[in-house]
Amino acid sequence: MRRRLLKGYEHARVLLHQGRIAGLLKLDRSGADYVVMQIQVAPELQGHGLGKTLLLEYIEEARSVGKDVTLHVLKANPARGLYERLGFVVEGEDAEEFHMRLSMH
C-alpha cells in the first residue's frame, strides 16, 4: 500500500471538503493517455458521488484534448463497477489488478 501511495506522488492533490481532508487524487496528464493513478475518498464521504464527479471532470478534460483515460483497479475494489458504468472496459489484468481504458475514439 505504501508503494502505491508514493508512486507518482508528484501528481498528487489533496481533496478538501468543508475545510477537512477528504481524500487524495493522483492524475497524470503527461503521456499518450490520461492516467487515473489513484483516487481515495475518506470512508465517511464515499457513496455520495465525489469520486464520480472527479472522474467525470477528468474524462471531459481528456475528451477535449482527444486522449483516452486509463486506470488500474485492484480486483477486490468495488469501484470497478463505477468505472464500467462510466464506460471503462477491461483491456488486461495481472495478479492483483484489472487494467481499464475509456477510449475517446
Protein backbone atom coordinates (compact mmCIF):
# COMPACT_ATOMS: atom_id res chain seq x y z
CA MET A 1 0.00 0.00 0.00
CA ARG A 2 2.82 2.40 0.85
CA ARG A 3 4.44 1.72 -2.54
CA ARG A 4 1.17 2.57 -4.29
CA LEU A 5 0.75 5.74 -2.22
CA LEU A 6 4.22 7.05 -3.01
CA LYS A 7 4.26 6.15 -6.72
CA GLY A 8 3.65 9.26 -8.80
CA TYR A 9 3.29 11.44 -5.73
CA GLU A 10 4.28 14.50 -7.79
CA HIS A 11 0.83 14.20 -9.39
CA ALA A 12 -1.00 14.11 -6.05
CA ARG A 13 -3.63 16.60 -4.96
CA VAL A 14 -5.28 16.56 -1.56
CA LEU A 15 -9.07 16.79 -1.68
CA LEU A 16 -10.73 19.12 0.80
CA HIS A 17 -14.38 19.12 1.80
CA GLN A 18 -15.73 21.71 4.23
CA GLY A 19 -12.17 22.55 5.29
CA ARG A 20 -11.22 18.94 6.09
CA ILE A 21 -9.09 16.46 4.18
CA ALA A 22 -11.49 14.34 2.15
CA GLY A 23 -9.07 12.24 0.12
CA LEU A 24 -6.26 12.06 -2.38
CA LEU A 25 -6.29 12.33 -6.16
CA LYS A 26 -3.39 11.47 -8.48
CA LEU A 27 -3.85 12.16 -12.19
CA ASP A 28 -1.12 12.01 -14.85
CA ARG A 29 -1.64 14.07 -17.99
CA SER A 30 1.92 13.74 -19.33
CA GLY A 31 1.70 10.68 -21.59
CA ALA A 32 -0.20 9.45 -24.62
CA ASP A 33 -3.18 8.67 -22.36
CA TYR A 34 -4.56 10.45 -19.35
CA VAL A 35 -3.98 8.15 -16.37
CA VAL A 36 -6.00 7.91 -13.17
CA MET A 37 -3.22 6.86 -10.84
CA GLN A 38 -5.19 6.92 -7.60
CA ILE A 39 -8.45 8.13 -6.15
CA GLN A 40 -9.02 7.84 -2.43
CA VAL A 41 -12.09 9.28 -0.77
CA ALA A 42 -12.47 9.29 3.01
CA PRO A 43 -14.77 6.44 4.10
CA GLU A 44 -17.37 8.79 5.58
CA LEU A 45 -17.65 10.61 2.23
CA GLN A 46 -17.83 7.55 0.00
CA GLY A 47 -21.08 6.83 -1.78
CA HIS A 48 -22.02 10.50 -2.20
CA GLY A 49 -20.75 10.95 -5.75
CA LEU A 50 -17.50 12.76 -5.01
CA GLY A 51 -15.30 10.20 -6.78
CA LYS A 52 -17.68 10.01 -9.73
CA THR A 53 -17.75 13.80 -10.08
CA LEU A 54 -13.94 13.98 -10.07
CA LEU A 55 -13.72 11.23 -12.68
CA LEU A 56 -16.30 12.88 -14.93
CA GLU A 57 -14.37 16.16 -14.84
CA TYR A 58 -11.14 14.36 -15.75
CA ILE A 59 -12.86 12.39 -18.52
CA GLU A 60 -14.24 15.60 -20.04
CA GLU A 61 -10.80 17.19 -19.91
CA ALA A 62 -9.31 14.13 -21.67
CA ARG A 63 -12.10 14.17 -24.25
CA SER A 64 -11.40 17.84 -25.02
CA VAL A 65 -7.79 17.00 -25.97
CA GLY A 66 -8.61 13.67 -27.64
CA LYS A 67 -6.86 11.40 -25.16
CA ASP A 68 -8.03 8.07 -23.75
CA VAL A 69 -8.22 7.58 -19.99
CA THR A 70 -6.63 4.54 -18.37
CA LEU A 71 -6.50 3.18 -14.84
CA HIS A 72 -5.66 0.08 -12.84
CA VAL A 73 -8.09 -1.11 -10.18
CA LEU A 74 -7.47 -3.76 -7.55
CA LYS A 75 -9.52 -6.87 -8.30
CA ALA A 76 -11.25 -6.68 -4.92
CA ASN A 77 -12.15 -2.99 -5.28
CA PRO A 78 -15.90 -2.43 -5.82
CA ALA A 79 -15.09 0.83 -7.67
CA ARG A 80 -14.68 -1.31 -10.79
CA GLY A 81 -18.46 -1.15 -11.16
CA LEU A 82 -18.37 2.66 -11.23
CA TYR A 83 -15.62 2.62 -13.83
CA GLU A 84 -17.62 0.24 -16.01
CA ARG A 85 -20.75 2.40 -15.70
CA LEU A 86 -18.65 5.34 -16.91
CA GLY A 87 -17.60 3.36 -19.98
CA PHE A 88 -14.24 1.89 -18.98
CA VAL A 89 -13.52 -1.62 -20.26
CA VAL A 90 -11.01 -4.17 -19.01
CA GLU A 91 -8.19 -4.47 -21.53
CA GLY A 92 -5.88 -6.64 -19.43
CA GLU A 93 -5.05 -7.78 -15.94
CA ASP A 94 -2.29 -9.03 -13.71
CA ALA A 95 -2.42 -10.98 -10.47
CA GLU A 96 -3.70 -8.00 -8.44
CA GLU A 97 -5.36 -5.53 -10.80
CA PHE A 98 -7.60 -5.05 -13.80
CA HIS A 99 -6.22 -2.65 -16.43
CA MET A 100 -9.04 -0.49 -17.78
CA ARG A 101 -9.44 2.01 -20.61
CA LEU A 102 -12.01 4.57 -21.64
CA SER A 103 -11.49 5.18 -25.34
CA MET A 104 -12.28 8.57 -26.84
CA HIS A 105 -12.01 7.30 -30.43
